[in-house]
Protein backbone atom coordinates (compact mmCIF):
# COMPACT_ATOMS: atom_id res chain seq x y z
CA MET A 1 -0.14 0.05 -0.21
CA ARG A 2 3.03 2.41 0.51
CA VAL A 3 3.28 2.27 -3.40
CA LEU A 4 -0.39 3.14 -3.65
CA PHE A 5 0.08 6.14 -1.36
CA LEU A 6 2.94 7.48 -3.28
CA VAL A 7 1.35 7.12 -6.37
CA LEU A 8 -1.30 9.08 -5.16
CA ALA A 9 0.77 11.85 -3.45
CA PHE A 10 2.45 12.83 -6.58
CA PHE A 11 -0.34 12.26 -8.98
CA VAL A 12 -2.61 14.70 -7.20
CA SER A 13 -0.08 17.21 -6.56
CA GLY A 14 1.50 17.66 -10.10
CA VAL A 15 -1.40 16.72 -12.48
CA VAL A 16 -4.06 18.53 -11.16
CA TRP A 17 -2.50 21.06 -9.05
CA ALA A 18 -4.22 19.55 -5.89
CA GLY A 19 -3.61 20.59 -1.96
CA TRP A 20 -0.65 18.11 -1.55
CA PRO A 21 3.09 19.76 -1.12
CA GLN A 22 5.51 17.40 -2.67
CA PRO A 23 7.94 16.25 0.02
CA LYS A 24 11.37 17.65 0.63
CA ARG A 25 13.61 16.98 -2.32
CA GLY A 26 10.85 15.41 -4.20
CA GLY A 27 9.33 16.41 -7.76
CA TYR A 28 7.05 15.86 -10.39
CA PHE A 29 7.95 16.88 -14.15
CA LYS A 30 5.62 16.14 -17.24
CA LEU A 31 6.27 16.81 -20.90
CA GLY A 32 2.72 17.78 -22.27
CA GLN A 33 1.47 18.02 -25.62
CA ASN A 34 -2.30 19.86 -26.08
CA GLY A 35 -4.15 20.68 -28.81
CA ILE A 36 -7.45 22.17 -29.73
CA ILE A 37 -9.12 22.85 -33.56
CA SER A 38 -12.27 24.92 -33.25
CA ASP A 39 -14.42 26.52 -35.81
CA ALA A 40 -17.03 27.25 -33.14
CA PHE A 41 -17.08 30.43 -30.61
CA TYR A 42 -18.61 31.40 -27.46
CA SER A 43 -19.82 34.87 -27.93
CA PRO A 44 -19.86 37.59 -25.45
CA SER A 45 -23.50 36.61 -24.69
CA GLY A 46 -22.72 32.73 -24.57
CA ASP A 47 -24.11 31.73 -27.86
CA ILE A 48 -22.04 29.60 -30.52
CA THR A 49 -21.20 31.37 -33.35
CA THR A 50 -19.27 30.03 -36.29
CA ILE A 51 -15.64 31.25 -37.13
CA ARG A 52 -12.57 30.75 -39.12
CA THR A 53 -11.06 27.46 -37.99
CA ASN A 54 -8.73 28.31 -35.54
CA SER A 55 -6.09 26.09 -33.91
CA ILE A 56 -3.60 26.27 -31.31
CA PHE A 57 -1.30 23.51 -30.12
CA THR A 58 1.01 23.60 -27.25
CA THR A 59 4.19 21.69 -26.23
CA SER A 60 4.96 22.55 -22.38
CA LEU A 61 6.88 21.51 -19.45
CA TYR A 62 5.41 21.29 -16.30
CA GLY A 63 7.26 20.90 -12.87
CA GLU A 64 6.91 20.58 -9.14
CA TYR A 65 9.59 20.47 -6.60
CA GLY A 66 9.78 20.02 -2.72
CA ILE A 67 12.03 22.64 -1.09
CA THR A 68 10.61 21.67 2.26
CA ASP A 69 7.92 19.34 3.26
CA ARG A 70 5.36 21.94 3.29
CA PHE A 71 7.19 24.61 0.26
CA THR A 72 6.74 23.47 -3.24
CA ALA A 73 7.93 25.61 -6.05
CA ILE A 74 6.04 25.40 -9.12
CA GLY A 75 6.66 26.13 -13.00
CA TYR A 76 4.73 25.97 -16.37
CA ILE A 77 6.63 26.51 -19.66
CA PRO A 78 4.99 26.36 -23.00
CA LEU A 79 8.04 25.54 -25.05
CA PHE A 80 6.38 25.45 -28.21
CA VAL A 81 2.87 27.05 -29.35
CA ARG A 82 1.58 26.76 -32.98
CA SER A 83 -1.46 29.14 -33.48
CA THR A 84 -3.10 28.95 -36.97
CA LEU A 85 -6.15 30.21 -39.06
CA ALA A 86 -7.43 27.98 -42.05
CA GLU A 87 -7.39 29.22 -45.57
CA VAL A 88 -11.02 30.55 -46.54
CA ARG A 89 -12.43 30.35 -49.97
CA PHE A 90 -15.17 32.67 -51.01
CA ARG A 91 -17.43 30.67 -53.72
CA GLN A 92 -19.04 33.67 -55.10
CA SER A 93 -16.36 35.90 -55.71
CA GLY A 94 -13.08 33.18 -55.74
CA ARG A 95 -11.39 35.58 -53.36
CA VAL A 96 -8.73 33.56 -51.00
CA GLU A 97 -7.62 34.21 -47.70
CA PRO A 98 -4.72 32.06 -47.22
CA SER A 99 -3.90 30.27 -43.80
CA GLU A 100 -2.07 32.08 -41.45
CA GLN A 101 0.50 30.71 -38.68
CA LEU A 102 2.55 31.66 -35.68
CA ASN A 103 5.11 29.61 -33.97
CA ALA A 104 6.48 31.15 -30.80
CA ILE A 105 7.05 30.11 -26.93
CA GLY A 106 4.06 30.77 -24.73
CA ASP A 107 2.92 32.59 -21.39
CA ALA A 108 4.71 30.86 -18.57
CA ASP A 109 3.56 30.32 -15.02
CA VAL A 110 6.12 30.30 -11.96
CA GLY A 111 4.55 30.08 -8.23
CA PHE A 112 4.83 28.43 -4.84
CA LYS A 113 2.45 26.27 -2.82
CA TYR A 114 2.66 26.36 0.91
CA GLY A 115 0.93 23.17 2.92
CA LEU A 116 -0.96 25.08 5.77
CA LEU A 117 -2.33 21.65 7.06
CA VAL A 118 -0.58 18.59 6.17
CA ASN A 119 -0.26 14.85 7.32
CA LYS A 120 -3.92 14.82 8.45
CA PRO A 121 -7.00 13.41 6.46
CA VAL A 122 -7.78 16.68 5.67
CA VAL A 123 -4.76 18.86 3.70
CA ILE A 124 -5.12 22.48 2.76
CA SER A 125 -2.38 24.51 1.06
CA ALA A 126 -2.12 27.67 -0.21
CA SER A 127 -0.43 29.00 -3.27
CA ILE A 128 0.50 31.66 -5.57
CA LEU A 129 0.86 31.78 -9.26
CA LEU A 130 2.49 34.40 -11.42
CA GLY A 131 1.62 34.39 -15.29
CA LEU A 132 4.81 35.91 -17.13
CA PRO A 133 3.73 37.41 -20.35
CA LEU A 134 6.49 35.60 -22.85
CA GLY A 135 4.27 34.78 -25.60
CA GLU A 136 3.66 36.54 -28.74
CA THR A 137 0.60 38.85 -28.76
CA SER A 138 0.30 39.71 -32.80
CA GLY A 139 0.94 37.40 -35.52
CA GLY A 140 0.23 35.87 -38.91
CA ALA A 141 -0.60 38.09 -41.83
CA SER A 142 -4.03 39.71 -40.17
CA GLY A 143 -1.88 40.13 -36.77
CA ILE A 144 -4.76 38.37 -34.76
CA LEU A 145 -2.83 35.38 -33.83
CA GLN A 146 -1.43 34.72 -30.41
CA THR A 147 0.60 32.66 -28.30
CA GLY A 148 0.07 34.81 -24.86
CA ASP A 149 -1.93 37.63 -23.85
CA GLY A 150 0.57 40.24 -22.91
CA GLU A 151 -0.35 40.68 -19.34
CA PHE A 152 1.46 40.07 -15.97
CA ASN A 153 -0.98 38.32 -13.53
CA GLN A 154 -1.24 36.77 -10.27
CA GLN A 155 -3.35 33.93 -8.89
CA LEU A 156 -4.22 33.28 -5.06
CA ARG A 157 -5.18 30.24 -4.53
CA VAL A 158 -6.47 27.58 -1.72
CA ASP A 159 -6.99 23.86 -2.06
CA VAL A 160 -8.67 21.68 0.53
CA SER A 161 -7.82 17.54 -0.28
CA HIS A 162 -8.85 14.52 1.14
CA SER A 163 -7.55 10.95 0.65
CA PHE A 164 -9.86 7.95 1.66
CA TYR A 165 -6.90 5.79 2.02
CA PRO A 166 -6.70 2.64 2.43
CA ARG A 167 -9.77 2.88 -0.06
CA PRO A 168 -7.89 4.09 -3.76
CA PHE A 169 -9.79 7.41 -3.96
CA TYR A 170 -9.03 11.05 -3.08
CA ALA A 171 -11.23 14.23 -3.56
CA SER A 172 -10.26 17.84 -3.88
CA ALA A 173 -11.53 21.11 -4.24
CA TYR A 174 -10.14 24.85 -4.95
CA VAL A 175 -11.20 28.37 -5.10
CA GLY A 176 -8.61 31.40 -6.29
CA VAL A 177 -8.89 34.89 -7.28
CA ASN A 178 -6.61 35.92 -10.47
CA ASN A 179 -5.39 39.63 -10.86
CA ARG A 180 -4.73 40.69 -14.47
CA THR A 181 -2.99 43.68 -15.76
CA ARG A 182 -3.11 45.62 -18.69
CA GLY A 183 -6.95 46.35 -18.84
CA PHE A 184 -8.03 42.74 -18.52
CA SER A 185 -10.70 42.02 -15.89
CA ASP A 186 -9.98 40.14 -12.78
CA GLU A 187 -11.55 36.33 -12.43
CA VAL A 188 -12.69 34.20 -9.62
CA ARG A 189 -11.80 30.47 -10.09
CA TRP A 190 -12.94 27.16 -8.50
CA GLY A 191 -13.10 23.67 -9.14
CA ALA A 192 -13.05 20.41 -8.08
CA GLU A 193 -11.77 16.64 -8.62
CA PHE A 194 -12.33 13.23 -7.75
CA GLY A 195 -9.75 10.49 -8.28
CA TYR A 196 -9.32 6.69 -8.45
CA THR A 197 -5.91 5.39 -7.97
CA SER A 198 -4.37 1.68 -8.32
CA PRO A 199 -0.36 0.65 -8.62
CA LYS A 200 -0.99 0.82 -12.75
CA ILE A 201 -3.86 3.27 -13.29
CA ILE A 202 -5.17 6.31 -12.32
CA ALA A 203 -8.27 7.91 -13.30
CA LEU A 204 -9.75 11.42 -12.48
CA ALA A 205 -12.64 13.83 -13.09
CA LYS A 206 -12.18 17.29 -13.10
CA LEU A 207 -14.49 20.62 -13.03
CA ASN A 208 -12.67 23.78 -13.65
CA VAL A 209 -14.78 27.16 -13.69
CA VAL A 210 -13.53 30.69 -14.59
CA GLU A 211 -15.78 33.81 -13.61
CA SER A 212 -14.87 37.30 -15.01
CA LEU A 213 -15.58 40.35 -12.68
CA PHE A 214 -15.76 42.42 -15.99
CA ASN A 215 -13.95 45.29 -14.17
CA GLY A 216 -11.37 45.60 -17.11
CA SER A 217 -11.42 47.74 -20.09
CA ASP A 218 -13.56 47.34 -23.00
CA ALA A 219 -10.66 48.26 -25.48
CA VAL A 220 -8.93 44.56 -24.57
CA ALA A 221 -9.72 42.65 -27.72
CA SER A 222 -11.02 39.15 -27.32
CA ASN A 223 -10.09 36.33 -30.24
CA GLY A 224 -11.20 33.04 -28.80
CA VAL A 225 -7.66 32.03 -27.45
CA PHE A 226 -6.52 34.74 -25.21
CA SER A 227 -9.55 36.85 -24.34
CA ASN A 228 -10.83 39.34 -22.09
CA ASN A 229 -13.95 38.59 -20.09
CA THR A 230 -12.89 35.02 -20.51
CA GLU A 231 -15.75 32.50 -18.79
CA TYR A 232 -16.25 28.88 -18.86
CA VAL A 233 -17.58 25.59 -17.27
CA SER A 234 -15.02 22.61 -18.28
CA PRO A 235 -14.94 19.09 -17.30
CA THR A 236 -12.02 17.19 -17.98
CA LEU A 237 -11.50 13.35 -17.65
CA GLU A 238 -7.62 12.30 -17.33
CA VAL A 239 -6.25 8.65 -17.09
CA ALA A 240 -2.60 8.00 -16.54
CA TYR A 241 -0.66 4.41 -16.76
CA LEU A 242 2.25 3.78 -14.57
CA PHE A 243 5.09 1.94 -16.18
CA ASN A 244 6.96 1.78 -12.69
CA GLU A 245 7.09 4.38 -9.52
CA SER A 246 8.80 7.27 -11.63
CA PHE A 247 7.44 7.01 -14.91
CA GLY A 248 4.22 7.23 -16.70
CA LEU A 249 1.81 8.23 -19.68
CA SER A 250 -1.25 10.31 -19.36
CA VAL A 251 -3.97 11.33 -21.65
CA SER A 252 -6.78 13.75 -21.29
CA ALA A 253 -9.94 15.33 -23.03
CA GLY A 254 -11.77 18.56 -21.52
CA TYR A 255 -14.98 20.56 -23.29
CA ALA A 256 -16.13 23.64 -22.32
CA PHE A 257 -20.19 22.93 -22.07
CA SER A 258 -20.70 26.92 -21.42
CA GLY A 259 -18.75 29.61 -21.84
CA ARG A 260 -18.17 33.33 -22.97
CA ASN A 261 -15.07 34.81 -25.11
CA ILE A 262 -13.77 30.76 -25.37
CA LEU A 263 -13.29 28.58 -28.48
CA ALA A 264 -16.19 26.08 -28.16
CA SER A 265 -14.28 22.90 -28.87
CA PRO A 266 -12.61 19.93 -27.09
CA ASN A 267 -9.03 19.89 -25.97
CA TYR A 268 -6.92 17.12 -26.20
CA GLY A 269 -3.73 16.08 -24.39
CA VAL A 270 -1.09 13.59 -23.70
CA GLY A 271 2.18 13.94 -21.81
CA VAL A 272 4.92 11.85 -20.24
CA PHE A 273 5.52 12.43 -16.56
CA TYR A 274 8.59 11.40 -14.25
CA LYS A 275 8.26 11.31 -10.38
CA LEU A 276 11.65 12.32 -8.53
CA MET A 277 11.46 10.12 -5.18
CA PRO A 278 12.68 11.94 -2.25
CA PRO A 279 15.95 10.38 -0.76
CA GLY A 280 15.43 7.76 1.98
CA ARG A 281 11.65 7.38 1.00
C-alpha cells in the first residue's frame, strides 16, 4: 500500500495541482502536448457562433519540486506554441484568404505552494502563481494570432484535499482569485476533482470554472484563445498509466459546455511524466 500512497501523492499534486505539497527534495515533471481545433466560438453573450477555423497546439513542461515538506516550487513553460488560421475560399467572388500561422513560446507560470495543514486526513494548502507574458500578442498576416495575452497576472489559490486511504480514492476542491493587468478583467476561479488510484492506473474527473469580474477595459480585444472576460465551465477526464514508481503516460480530454469569449471545441492532451523520489523514501 506504500506504493499506492506514493502514486496518489505525486499524481494529485503534479497533474491536477491539488492540495498535497511535494515532499522535501521530491518532485514531479511532465512534458505535455495539448491541442484544440475549432470553428466554433462562445460569443460574449454565451451563444455559439461559427468562426474561421482556429487551432492552437502547445508543447509544455510542467514541474513541481519540494523545497521543504511544506514548501513546493511550481513552474509551467509552454516551450512551443503553434497558432493557426485555416484558409478560407469565397465561392461567389473566388477570393481566397490564405492560411496563417504563428510559432513562438507561450506565457509561462511560476509560483509556490505552501502546506497550511499537512499529514492529516484533510490537507489544506495556499498557492501563489505568477503569469509571465513571454508569448507573442500579434502574429500572422492579419496580426490576430497570439501565443500569449501580454499581461502579467497573479493568482492566489486555496486547495482542500482528502485521501480516502486505504480506499483507492481522493477528492479535492479549490478556489482562487486571478488579478490581471493591462485592462484585462480579474477572475474568480474554482473547481473540484475526484480520483481513483491503483498501482498501474489512475483515473480522475475534474471540473474547472472561471468567472470574470468584468472590471477591465472594453478596449481589450477578444479572439477566442487569449480573450478578456473569458468564462467557462469545463469538465475534464484524465487517465494515467504507470510504468513504474517514477515514469508514466497520461491522456486527457476536456470541453467547455458553457462559456463566453472562448473557443467551443474539445481540448485533448497527452503527456509523459517523471516522479523524483525523495532520498530515503
